Amino acid sequence: MTVVVRETKETTIRCEIVRGTGRGTIATGVAFLDHMLVTFARYSGLDVTVQATGDLSHHLIEDVAICVGAAIAATLPATAARYGDRTIPMDDALVHCALDLGGRAYYRGPIPSSLYDHWMRSFSEHARATLHLRVLRGRDRHHVVEAAFKALGLAVRDAFVESGAVFSTKGGVALRVETDG
């Protein structure tokens, strides 16, 4: 189990992720964010618990993404497949997600909601993931954003599959930071 806690003057976030059955227990006070996180949990196959409070939706959504991303990075097995690639149709929407959880943060979108596009960018940075989202079709923003979370969840599910070996030509990568203080 991985627990990430983030506290600022603006927000208090607690995120817990464990490999499980796809159960989402979410309470952020932002109904659509709760819906997207339950969707992400279901499609990723991870049990995700998020409790969050904050002053503004923007701060809350961003800080939740930071915590979920950090928890994903910390939960990823060393011998995971790393890669996931899924395309999801949802009514008028068709969204493609390509993902590499290999330790390099890069995001390319956008999706048609500045708040949830920012969620994806913040998630990518803190999951240390390369994340490409392409909206192939879609007029209804709700459907496009939800299809993006479903595609991301399934891509994460694929990336978490145990490969039995470190899935990189570099082998294992270690980074140590030392300070005097």
N, C-alpha and C. Protein backbone atom coordinates (compact mmCIF):
# COMPACT_ATOMS: atom_id res chain seq x y z
N MET A 1 0.85 -1.17 0.00
CA MET A 1 0.00 0.00 0.00
C MET A 1 0.89 1.23 0.00
N THR A 2 0.51 2.21 -0.79
CA THR A 2 1.21 3.49 -0.84
C THR A 2 0.26 4.58 -0.37
N VAL A 3 0.74 5.42 0.53
CA VAL A 3 -0.03 6.56 1.02
C VAL A 3 0.75 7.82 0.73
N VAL A 4 0.09 8.78 0.11
CA VAL A 4 0.69 10.09 -0.17
C VAL A 4 -0.20 11.13 0.48
N VAL A 5 0.41 12.01 1.26
CA VAL A 5 -0.31 13.10 1.91
C VAL A 5 0.31 14.41 1.47
N ARG A 6 -0.53 15.34 1.07
CA ARG A 6 -0.07 16.67 0.66
C ARG A 6 -0.91 17.70 1.42
N GLU A 7 -0.22 18.60 2.12
CA GLU A 7 -0.90 19.65 2.87
C GLU A 7 -0.31 20.99 2.48
N THR A 8 -1.17 21.91 2.09
CA THR A 8 -0.76 23.28 1.80
C THR A 8 -1.76 24.21 2.49
N LYS A 9 -1.56 25.51 2.34
CA LYS A 9 -2.55 26.46 2.86
C LYS A 9 -3.88 26.30 2.14
N GLU A 10 -3.83 25.76 0.91
CA GLU A 10 -5.01 25.69 0.07
C GLU A 10 -5.72 24.34 0.09
N THR A 11 -4.97 23.26 0.32
CA THR A 11 -5.57 21.92 0.25
C THR A 11 -4.98 20.97 1.28
N THR A 12 -5.74 19.94 1.57
CA THR A 12 -5.27 18.78 2.33
C THR A 12 -5.73 17.55 1.56
N ILE A 13 -4.75 16.75 1.12
CA ILE A 13 -5.04 15.58 0.29
C ILE A 13 -4.42 14.36 0.95
N ARG A 14 -5.17 13.26 0.99
CA ARG A 14 -4.64 11.96 1.38
C ARG A 14 -5.05 10.96 0.31
N CYS A 15 -4.06 10.33 -0.29
CA CYS A 15 -4.30 9.36 -1.36
C CYS A 15 -3.64 8.04 -0.98
N GLU A 16 -4.41 6.98 -1.12
CA GLU A 16 -3.91 5.63 -0.85
C GLU A 16 -4.16 4.77 -2.09
N ILE A 17 -3.13 4.09 -2.54
CA ILE A 17 -3.27 3.19 -3.68
C ILE A 17 -2.66 1.84 -3.33
N VAL A 18 -3.41 0.79 -3.67
CA VAL A 18 -2.94 -0.57 -3.47
C VAL A 18 -3.41 -1.40 -4.66
N ARG A 19 -2.59 -2.34 -5.07
CA ARG A 19 -3.01 -3.24 -6.14
C ARG A 19 -4.16 -4.06 -5.61
N GLY A 20 -5.26 -4.05 -6.35
CA GLY A 20 -6.46 -4.70 -5.82
C GLY A 20 -7.45 -5.06 -6.89
N THR A 21 -8.68 -4.59 -6.71
CA THR A 21 -9.78 -5.00 -7.57
C THR A 21 -10.41 -3.85 -8.34
N GLY A 22 -9.90 -2.64 -8.17
CA GLY A 22 -10.48 -1.50 -8.88
C GLY A 22 -11.53 -0.75 -8.09
N ARG A 23 -11.42 -0.81 -6.79
CA ARG A 23 -12.38 -0.12 -5.92
C ARG A 23 -11.93 1.33 -5.72
N GLY A 24 -12.83 2.26 -5.91
CA GLY A 24 -12.55 3.67 -5.66
C GLY A 24 -13.39 4.18 -4.52
N THR A 25 -12.73 4.72 -3.50
CA THR A 25 -13.40 5.36 -2.39
C THR A 25 -12.92 6.81 -2.38
N ILE A 26 -13.72 7.69 -2.91
CA ILE A 26 -13.29 9.03 -3.23
C ILE A 26 -14.20 10.06 -2.56
N ALA A 27 -13.61 11.07 -1.93
CA ALA A 27 -14.37 12.18 -1.34
C ALA A 27 -13.54 13.46 -1.48
N THR A 28 -13.80 14.20 -2.55
CA THR A 28 -13.08 15.46 -2.78
C THR A 28 -13.97 16.68 -2.67
N GLY A 29 -15.28 16.48 -2.68
CA GLY A 29 -16.20 17.61 -2.70
C GLY A 29 -16.45 18.15 -4.11
N VAL A 30 -15.77 17.59 -5.10
CA VAL A 30 -15.99 17.95 -6.51
C VAL A 30 -16.56 16.70 -7.18
N ALA A 31 -17.87 16.72 -7.43
CA ALA A 31 -18.57 15.52 -7.89
C ALA A 31 -17.97 14.93 -9.16
N PHE A 32 -17.62 15.76 -10.14
CA PHE A 32 -17.09 15.23 -11.38
C PHE A 32 -15.70 14.61 -11.16
N LEU A 33 -14.86 15.22 -10.33
CA LEU A 33 -13.56 14.65 -10.00
C LEU A 33 -13.73 13.31 -9.30
N ASP A 34 -14.67 13.24 -8.36
CA ASP A 34 -14.95 11.97 -7.69
C ASP A 34 -15.32 10.90 -8.72
N HIS A 35 -16.18 11.25 -9.65
CA HIS A 35 -16.61 10.32 -10.70
C HIS A 35 -15.42 9.85 -11.55
N MET A 36 -14.52 10.79 -11.90
CA MET A 36 -13.36 10.43 -12.73
C MET A 36 -12.39 9.55 -11.97
N LEU A 37 -12.20 9.78 -10.68
CA LEU A 37 -11.28 8.96 -9.89
C LEU A 37 -11.83 7.57 -9.64
N VAL A 38 -13.15 7.46 -9.42
CA VAL A 38 -13.76 6.13 -9.31
C VAL A 38 -13.60 5.39 -10.63
N THR A 39 -13.78 6.10 -11.73
CA THR A 39 -13.59 5.51 -13.07
C THR A 39 -12.15 5.05 -13.25
N PHE A 40 -11.19 5.92 -12.91
CA PHE A 40 -9.78 5.56 -13.02
C PHE A 40 -9.47 4.31 -12.20
N ALA A 41 -9.96 4.26 -10.95
CA ALA A 41 -9.71 3.09 -10.10
C ALA A 41 -10.28 1.83 -10.75
N ARG A 42 -11.50 1.91 -11.20
CA ARG A 42 -12.16 0.74 -11.79
C ARG A 42 -11.38 0.20 -12.99
N TYR A 43 -10.98 1.11 -13.88
CA TYR A 43 -10.33 0.67 -15.12
C TYR A 43 -8.87 0.30 -14.90
N SER A 44 -8.21 0.88 -13.91
CA SER A 44 -6.81 0.55 -13.64
C SER A 44 -6.67 -0.76 -12.88
N GLY A 45 -7.72 -1.17 -12.18
CA GLY A 45 -7.64 -2.36 -11.35
C GLY A 45 -6.95 -2.10 -10.02
N LEU A 46 -6.71 -0.83 -9.72
CA LEU A 46 -6.09 -0.44 -8.45
C LEU A 46 -7.18 0.00 -7.48
N ASP A 47 -6.97 -0.26 -6.20
CA ASP A 47 -7.86 0.29 -5.19
C ASP A 47 -7.33 1.67 -4.84
N VAL A 48 -8.17 2.67 -5.05
CA VAL A 48 -7.76 4.07 -4.87
C VAL A 48 -8.68 4.70 -3.83
N THR A 49 -8.08 5.27 -2.80
CA THR A 49 -8.82 6.02 -1.80
C THR A 49 -8.27 7.43 -1.78
N VAL A 50 -9.15 8.41 -1.94
CA VAL A 50 -8.73 9.82 -1.89
C VAL A 50 -9.69 10.57 -0.99
N GLN A 51 -9.12 11.29 -0.03
CA GLN A 51 -9.87 12.23 0.80
C GLN A 51 -9.21 13.57 0.59
N ALA A 52 -10.00 14.58 0.20
CA ALA A 52 -9.41 15.86 -0.14
C ALA A 52 -10.36 17.00 0.21
N THR A 53 -9.75 18.06 0.71
CA THR A 53 -10.49 19.31 0.92
C THR A 53 -9.61 20.44 0.38
N GLY A 54 -10.26 21.51 -0.04
CA GLY A 54 -9.50 22.63 -0.56
C GLY A 54 -10.35 23.85 -0.77
N ASP A 55 -9.66 24.94 -1.09
CA ASP A 55 -10.35 26.22 -1.24
C ASP A 55 -10.98 26.40 -2.61
N LEU A 56 -10.28 26.06 -3.68
CA LEU A 56 -10.77 26.24 -5.05
C LEU A 56 -10.69 24.92 -5.80
N SER A 57 -11.60 24.73 -6.74
CA SER A 57 -11.57 23.50 -7.56
C SER A 57 -10.23 23.32 -8.24
N HIS A 58 -9.67 24.42 -8.78
CA HIS A 58 -8.39 24.31 -9.48
C HIS A 58 -7.30 23.75 -8.57
N HIS A 59 -7.18 24.31 -7.35
CA HIS A 59 -6.14 23.83 -6.43
C HIS A 59 -6.39 22.38 -6.03
N LEU A 60 -7.63 22.05 -5.77
CA LEU A 60 -7.98 20.70 -5.34
C LEU A 60 -7.68 19.69 -6.45
N ILE A 61 -8.12 19.97 -7.66
CA ILE A 61 -7.92 19.05 -8.78
C ILE A 61 -6.43 18.85 -9.05
N GLU A 62 -5.66 19.94 -9.05
CA GLU A 62 -4.22 19.83 -9.29
C GLU A 62 -3.53 19.02 -8.20
N ASP A 63 -3.84 19.31 -6.94
CA ASP A 63 -3.16 18.62 -5.85
C ASP A 63 -3.55 17.15 -5.75
N VAL A 64 -4.78 16.82 -6.10
CA VAL A 64 -5.17 15.41 -6.16
C VAL A 64 -4.36 14.70 -7.24
N ALA A 65 -4.20 15.33 -8.40
CA ALA A 65 -3.41 14.73 -9.48
C ALA A 65 -1.97 14.50 -9.05
N ILE A 66 -1.40 15.46 -8.33
CA ILE A 66 -0.04 15.31 -7.82
C ILE A 66 0.06 14.08 -6.93
N CYS A 67 -0.89 13.93 -6.03
CA CYS A 67 -0.85 12.80 -5.09
C CYS A 67 -1.11 11.46 -5.78
N VAL A 68 -2.07 11.41 -6.68
CA VAL A 68 -2.35 10.17 -7.40
C VAL A 68 -1.13 9.78 -8.24
N GLY A 69 -0.54 10.76 -8.92
CA GLY A 69 0.65 10.47 -9.73
C GLY A 69 1.80 9.95 -8.89
N ALA A 70 2.06 10.61 -7.76
CA ALA A 70 3.15 10.17 -6.88
C ALA A 70 2.89 8.77 -6.34
N ALA A 71 1.64 8.48 -6.02
CA ALA A 71 1.29 7.15 -5.50
C ALA A 71 1.47 6.08 -6.59
N ILE A 72 1.11 6.41 -7.82
CA ILE A 72 1.31 5.47 -8.92
C ILE A 72 2.81 5.16 -9.08
N ALA A 73 3.63 6.21 -9.08
CA ALA A 73 5.08 6.02 -9.22
C ALA A 73 5.63 5.14 -8.10
N ALA A 74 5.16 5.35 -6.89
CA ALA A 74 5.67 4.59 -5.74
C ALA A 74 5.14 3.15 -5.71
N THR A 75 4.00 2.90 -6.32
CA THR A 75 3.38 1.58 -6.29
C THR A 75 3.87 0.69 -7.43
N LEU A 76 4.36 1.28 -8.50
CA LEU A 76 4.77 0.52 -9.69
C LEU A 76 5.86 -0.50 -9.35
N PRO A 77 5.62 -1.77 -9.64
CA PRO A 77 6.66 -2.78 -9.40
C PRO A 77 7.88 -2.55 -10.30
N ALA A 78 9.07 -2.89 -9.81
CA ALA A 78 10.30 -2.71 -10.59
C ALA A 78 10.27 -3.52 -11.87
N THR A 79 9.55 -4.63 -11.87
CA THR A 79 9.51 -5.50 -13.05
C THR A 79 8.20 -5.36 -13.83
N ALA A 80 7.58 -4.20 -13.73
CA ALA A 80 6.34 -3.95 -14.46
C ALA A 80 6.63 -3.78 -15.95
N ALA A 81 5.62 -4.03 -16.76
CA ALA A 81 5.74 -3.88 -18.21
C ALA A 81 6.00 -2.44 -18.62
N ARG A 82 5.60 -1.47 -17.81
CA ARG A 82 5.81 -0.02 -18.02
C ARG A 82 4.87 0.60 -19.02
N TYR A 83 4.53 -0.09 -20.09
CA TYR A 83 3.81 0.51 -21.20
C TYR A 83 2.34 0.10 -21.21
N GLY A 84 1.51 1.05 -21.64
CA GLY A 84 0.10 0.78 -21.86
C GLY A 84 -0.39 1.63 -23.01
N ASP A 85 -1.30 1.09 -23.78
CA ASP A 85 -1.82 1.79 -24.94
C ASP A 85 -3.27 1.37 -25.14
N ARG A 86 -4.19 2.30 -24.98
CA ARG A 86 -5.61 1.97 -25.09
C ARG A 86 -6.37 3.08 -25.81
N THR A 87 -7.38 2.67 -26.54
CA THR A 87 -8.31 3.60 -27.18
C THR A 87 -9.70 3.25 -26.68
N ILE A 88 -10.42 4.28 -26.24
CA ILE A 88 -11.74 4.09 -25.65
C ILE A 88 -12.79 4.86 -26.44
N PRO A 89 -13.84 4.16 -26.89
CA PRO A 89 -15.00 4.85 -27.44
C PRO A 89 -16.02 5.06 -26.32
N MET A 90 -16.60 6.23 -26.28
CA MET A 90 -17.69 6.49 -25.33
C MET A 90 -18.66 7.43 -26.00
N ASP A 91 -19.75 6.88 -26.47
CA ASP A 91 -20.74 7.64 -27.22
C ASP A 91 -20.06 8.37 -28.37
N ASP A 92 -20.11 9.70 -28.39
CA ASP A 92 -19.51 10.48 -29.48
C ASP A 92 -17.99 10.59 -29.36
N ALA A 93 -17.44 10.23 -28.23
CA ALA A 93 -16.00 10.44 -27.96
C ALA A 93 -15.19 9.20 -28.33
N LEU A 94 -13.99 9.46 -28.81
CA LEU A 94 -13.00 8.42 -29.07
C LEU A 94 -11.66 8.99 -28.65
N VAL A 95 -11.05 8.41 -27.61
CA VAL A 95 -9.82 8.94 -27.03
C VAL A 95 -8.77 7.85 -26.97
N HIS A 96 -7.56 8.19 -27.39
CA HIS A 96 -6.43 7.27 -27.38
C HIS A 96 -5.44 7.73 -26.30
N CYS A 97 -4.93 6.78 -25.52
CA CYS A 97 -3.92 7.02 -24.49
C CYS A 97 -2.73 6.11 -24.73
N ALA A 98 -1.54 6.69 -24.82
CA ALA A 98 -0.30 5.92 -24.85
C ALA A 98 0.51 6.34 -23.63
N LEU A 99 1.02 5.37 -22.88
CA LEU A 99 1.61 5.62 -21.57
C LEU A 99 2.90 4.84 -21.40
N ASP A 100 3.90 5.49 -20.80
CA ASP A 100 5.13 4.82 -20.37
C ASP A 100 5.40 5.27 -18.95
N LEU A 101 5.38 4.35 -18.01
CA LEU A 101 5.67 4.66 -16.61
C LEU A 101 7.15 4.46 -16.30
N GLY A 102 8.00 4.79 -17.26
CA GLY A 102 9.43 4.52 -17.15
C GLY A 102 10.27 5.57 -16.47
N GLY A 103 9.67 6.59 -15.88
CA GLY A 103 10.45 7.53 -15.10
C GLY A 103 10.72 8.87 -15.76
N ARG A 104 10.20 9.09 -16.95
CA ARG A 104 10.39 10.38 -17.63
C ARG A 104 9.05 11.06 -17.79
N ALA A 105 8.92 12.21 -17.19
CA ALA A 105 7.67 12.96 -17.25
C ALA A 105 7.57 13.74 -18.56
N TYR A 106 6.47 13.49 -19.27
CA TYR A 106 6.16 14.26 -20.48
C TYR A 106 4.67 14.11 -20.71
N TYR A 107 3.99 15.21 -21.00
CA TYR A 107 2.56 15.15 -21.29
C TYR A 107 2.29 15.84 -22.61
N ARG A 108 1.46 15.20 -23.40
CA ARG A 108 0.98 15.81 -24.63
C ARG A 108 -0.51 15.55 -24.73
N GLY A 109 -1.28 16.59 -24.81
CA GLY A 109 -2.73 16.53 -24.96
C GLY A 109 -3.10 17.40 -26.13
N PRO A 110 -4.08 18.20 -25.97
CA PRO A 110 -4.92 18.41 -24.79
C PRO A 110 -6.21 17.62 -24.86
N ILE A 111 -6.91 17.64 -23.71
CA ILE A 111 -8.31 17.23 -23.70
C ILE A 111 -9.12 18.52 -23.49
N PRO A 112 -10.39 18.53 -23.87
CA PRO A 112 -11.14 19.80 -23.94
C PRO A 112 -11.70 20.31 -22.62
N SER A 113 -10.90 20.30 -21.60
CA SER A 113 -11.24 20.89 -20.31
C SER A 113 -9.93 21.34 -19.69
N SER A 114 -9.79 22.63 -19.47
CA SER A 114 -8.50 23.12 -18.94
C SER A 114 -8.20 22.52 -17.57
N LEU A 115 -9.20 22.31 -16.72
CA LEU A 115 -8.97 21.72 -15.40
C LEU A 115 -8.48 20.28 -15.51
N TYR A 116 -9.11 19.49 -16.36
CA TYR A 116 -8.74 18.08 -16.44
C TYR A 116 -7.54 17.86 -17.36
N ASP A 117 -7.28 18.77 -18.27
CA ASP A 117 -6.02 18.73 -19.01
C ASP A 117 -4.87 19.00 -18.03
N HIS A 118 -5.09 19.95 -17.11
CA HIS A 118 -4.09 20.23 -16.08
C HIS A 118 -3.94 19.04 -15.14
N TRP A 119 -5.03 18.33 -14.84
CA TRP A 119 -4.96 17.12 -14.01
C TRP A 119 -4.02 16.11 -14.68
N MET A 120 -4.21 15.89 -15.98
CA MET A 120 -3.38 14.92 -16.70
C MET A 120 -1.91 15.33 -16.71
N ARG A 121 -1.64 16.62 -16.90
CA ARG A 121 -0.25 17.11 -16.89
C ARG A 121 0.38 16.92 -15.51
N SER A 122 -0.33 17.28 -14.46
CA SER A 122 0.19 17.14 -13.09
C SER A 122 0.37 15.66 -12.73
N PHE A 123 -0.59 14.83 -13.12
CA PHE A 123 -0.46 13.38 -12.92
C PHE A 123 0.80 12.87 -13.60
N SER A 124 0.99 13.22 -14.86
CA SER A 124 2.14 12.77 -15.63
C SER A 124 3.45 13.17 -14.96
N GLU A 125 3.54 14.41 -14.54
CA GLU A 125 4.77 14.90 -13.89
C GLU A 125 5.09 14.11 -12.64
N HIS A 126 4.10 13.85 -11.81
CA HIS A 126 4.37 13.22 -10.52
C HIS A 126 4.36 11.70 -10.58
N ALA A 127 3.79 11.13 -11.62
CA ALA A 127 3.91 9.69 -11.85
C ALA A 127 5.22 9.40 -12.59
N ARG A 128 5.91 10.46 -13.01
CA ARG A 128 7.11 10.35 -13.84
C ARG A 128 6.79 9.49 -15.07
N ALA A 129 5.71 9.89 -15.74
CA ALA A 129 5.18 9.13 -16.86
C ALA A 129 5.19 9.96 -18.14
N THR A 130 5.45 9.28 -19.23
CA THR A 130 5.19 9.86 -20.54
C THR A 130 3.74 9.51 -20.86
N LEU A 131 2.94 10.54 -21.09
CA LEU A 131 1.51 10.36 -21.31
C LEU A 131 1.08 11.15 -22.54
N HIS A 132 0.59 10.46 -23.53
CA HIS A 132 0.04 11.09 -24.73
C HIS A 132 -1.45 10.78 -24.77
N LEU A 133 -2.26 11.83 -24.86
CA LEU A 133 -3.70 11.66 -25.03
C LEU A 133 -4.10 12.32 -26.33
N ARG A 134 -4.81 11.57 -27.16
CA ARG A 134 -5.31 12.12 -28.43
C ARG A 134 -6.82 11.98 -28.45
N VAL A 135 -7.50 13.10 -28.63
CA VAL A 135 -8.94 13.08 -28.81
C VAL A 135 -9.18 12.91 -30.30
N LEU A 136 -9.60 11.72 -30.66
CA LEU A 136 -9.82 11.42 -32.07
C LEU A 136 -11.17 11.93 -32.55
N ARG A 137 -12.16 11.90 -31.65
CA ARG A 137 -13.50 12.42 -31.94
C ARG A 137 -14.15 12.82 -30.63
N GLY A 138 -15.15 13.66 -30.72
CA GLY A 138 -15.96 13.97 -29.55
C GLY A 138 -16.39 15.41 -29.48
N ARG A 139 -17.68 15.60 -29.19
CA ARG A 139 -18.24 16.93 -29.01
C ARG A 139 -18.60 17.20 -27.55
N ASP A 140 -19.03 16.17 -26.86
CA ASP A 140 -19.45 16.31 -25.47
C ASP A 140 -18.22 16.23 -24.56
N ARG A 141 -17.90 17.35 -23.87
CA ARG A 141 -16.69 17.39 -23.03
C ARG A 141 -16.70 16.32 -21.95
N HIS A 142 -17.85 16.08 -21.35
CA HIS A 142 -17.95 15.05 -20.31
C HIS A 142 -17.52 13.70 -20.89
N HIS A 143 -18.04 13.36 -22.06
CA HIS A 143 -17.70 12.07 -22.66
C HIS A 143 -16.22 11.99 -23.01
N VAL A 144 -15.65 13.08 -23.52
CA VAL A 144 -14.23 13.07 -23.90
C VAL A 144 -13.35 12.91 -22.66
N VAL A 145 -13.63 13.68 -21.62
CA VAL A 145 -12.82 13.59 -20.40
C VAL A 145 -12.97 12.22 -19.76
N GLU A 146 -14.18 11.70 -19.70
CA GLU A 146 -14.38 10.38 -19.10
C GLU A 146 -13.69 9.30 -19.93
N ALA A 147 -13.75 9.39 -21.25
CA ALA A 147 -13.05 8.43 -22.10
C ALA A 147 -11.54 8.50 -21.86
N ALA A 148 -11.02 9.71 -21.62
CA ALA A 148 -9.59 9.88 -21.33
C ALA A 148 -9.21 9.19 -20.01
N PHE A 149 -10.03 9.33 -18.98
CA PHE A 149 -9.75 8.67 -17.70
C PHE A 149 -9.86 7.15 -17.83
N LYS A 150 -10.82 6.67 -18.61
CA LYS A 150 -10.95 5.23 -18.82
C LYS A 150 -9.73 4.70 -19.58
N ALA A 151 -9.33 5.40 -20.63
CA ALA A 151 -8.16 4.98 -21.41
C ALA A 151 -6.91 5.00 -20.54
N LEU A 152 -6.74 6.05 -19.73
CA LEU A 152 -5.60 6.12 -18.82
C LEU A 152 -5.63 4.96 -17.83
N GLY A 153 -6.79 4.69 -17.27
CA GLY A 153 -6.89 3.58 -16.32
C GLY A 153 -6.50 2.25 -16.93
N LEU A 154 -6.99 1.95 -18.11
CA LEU A 154 -6.64 0.70 -18.77
C LEU A 154 -5.17 0.65 -19.16
N ALA A 155 -4.61 1.79 -19.58
CA ALA A 155 -3.18 1.85 -19.90
C ALA A 155 -2.34 1.61 -18.64
N VAL A 156 -2.75 2.17 -17.51
CA VAL A 156 -2.06 1.92 -16.24
C VAL A 156 -2.16 0.44 -15.89
N ARG A 157 -3.32 -0.15 -16.07
CA ARG A 157 -3.50 -1.59 -15.80
C ARG A 157 -2.49 -2.41 -16.60
N ASP A 158 -2.35 -2.08 -17.89
CA ASP A 158 -1.40 -2.78 -18.75
C ASP A 158 0.04 -2.54 -18.30
N ALA A 159 0.35 -1.31 -17.91
CA ALA A 159 1.71 -0.95 -17.50
C ALA A 159 2.12 -1.65 -16.20
N PHE A 160 1.15 -1.99 -15.36
CA PHE A 160 1.42 -2.63 -14.07
C PHE A 160 1.61 -4.14 -14.18
N VAL A 161 1.38 -4.72 -15.34
CA VAL A 161 1.53 -6.17 -15.51
C VAL A 161 2.98 -6.55 -15.21
N GLU A 162 3.15 -7.56 -14.39
CA GLU A 162 4.49 -8.05 -14.05
C GLU A 162 5.13 -8.70 -15.27
N SER A 163 6.32 -8.21 -15.66
CA SER A 163 7.01 -8.77 -16.82
C SER A 163 8.05 -9.82 -16.41
N GLY A 164 8.40 -9.86 -15.12
CA GLY A 164 9.38 -10.82 -14.65
C GLY A 164 10.81 -10.31 -14.72
N ALA A 165 11.00 -9.16 -15.34
CA ALA A 165 12.34 -8.57 -15.46
C ALA A 165 12.19 -7.06 -15.58
N VAL A 166 13.27 -6.36 -15.31
CA VAL A 166 13.25 -4.91 -15.52
C VAL A 166 13.10 -4.67 -17.01
N PHE A 167 12.07 -3.93 -17.38
CA PHE A 167 11.70 -3.76 -18.78
C PHE A 167 12.37 -2.52 -19.35
N SER A 168 13.72 -2.59 -19.46
CA SER A 168 14.49 -1.47 -19.99
C SER A 168 15.86 -1.99 -20.41
N THR A 169 16.38 -1.45 -21.49
CA THR A 169 17.73 -1.83 -21.91
C THR A 169 18.77 -1.26 -20.97
N LYS A 170 18.40 -0.27 -20.14
CA LYS A 170 19.31 0.31 -19.15
C LYS A 170 19.40 -0.56 -17.90
N GLY A 171 18.48 -1.49 -17.77
CA GLY A 171 18.41 -2.24 -16.53
C GLY A 171 17.77 -1.37 -15.46
N GLY A 172 18.00 -1.70 -14.21
CA GLY A 172 17.47 -0.88 -13.12
C GLY A 172 18.18 0.46 -13.08
N VAL A 173 17.43 1.49 -12.75
CA VAL A 173 18.00 2.83 -12.65
C VAL A 173 17.87 3.28 -11.20
N ALA A 174 18.98 3.71 -10.63
CA ALA A 174 18.95 4.22 -9.26
C ALA A 174 19.36 5.69 -9.29
N LEU A 175 18.68 6.48 -8.51
CA LEU A 175 18.99 7.91 -8.38
C LEU A 175 19.00 8.22 -6.91
N ARG A 176 20.11 8.70 -6.41
CA ARG A 176 20.23 9.02 -4.99
C ARG A 176 20.55 10.49 -4.87
N VAL A 177 19.86 11.16 -3.98
CA VAL A 177 20.11 12.58 -3.70
C VAL A 177 20.58 12.67 -2.26
N GLU A 178 21.72 13.29 -2.07
CA GLU A 178 22.26 13.45 -0.73
C GLU A 178 22.40 14.94 -0.42
N THR A 179 22.07 15.30 0.79
CA THR A 179 22.22 16.69 1.22
C THR A 179 22.97 16.72 2.54
N ASP A 180 23.52 17.86 2.84
CA ASP A 180 24.23 18.04 4.11
C ASP A 180 23.31 18.40 5.25
N GLY A 181 22.08 18.70 4.93
CA GLY A 181 21.29 19.30 5.92
C GLY A 181 20.21 18.76 6.62
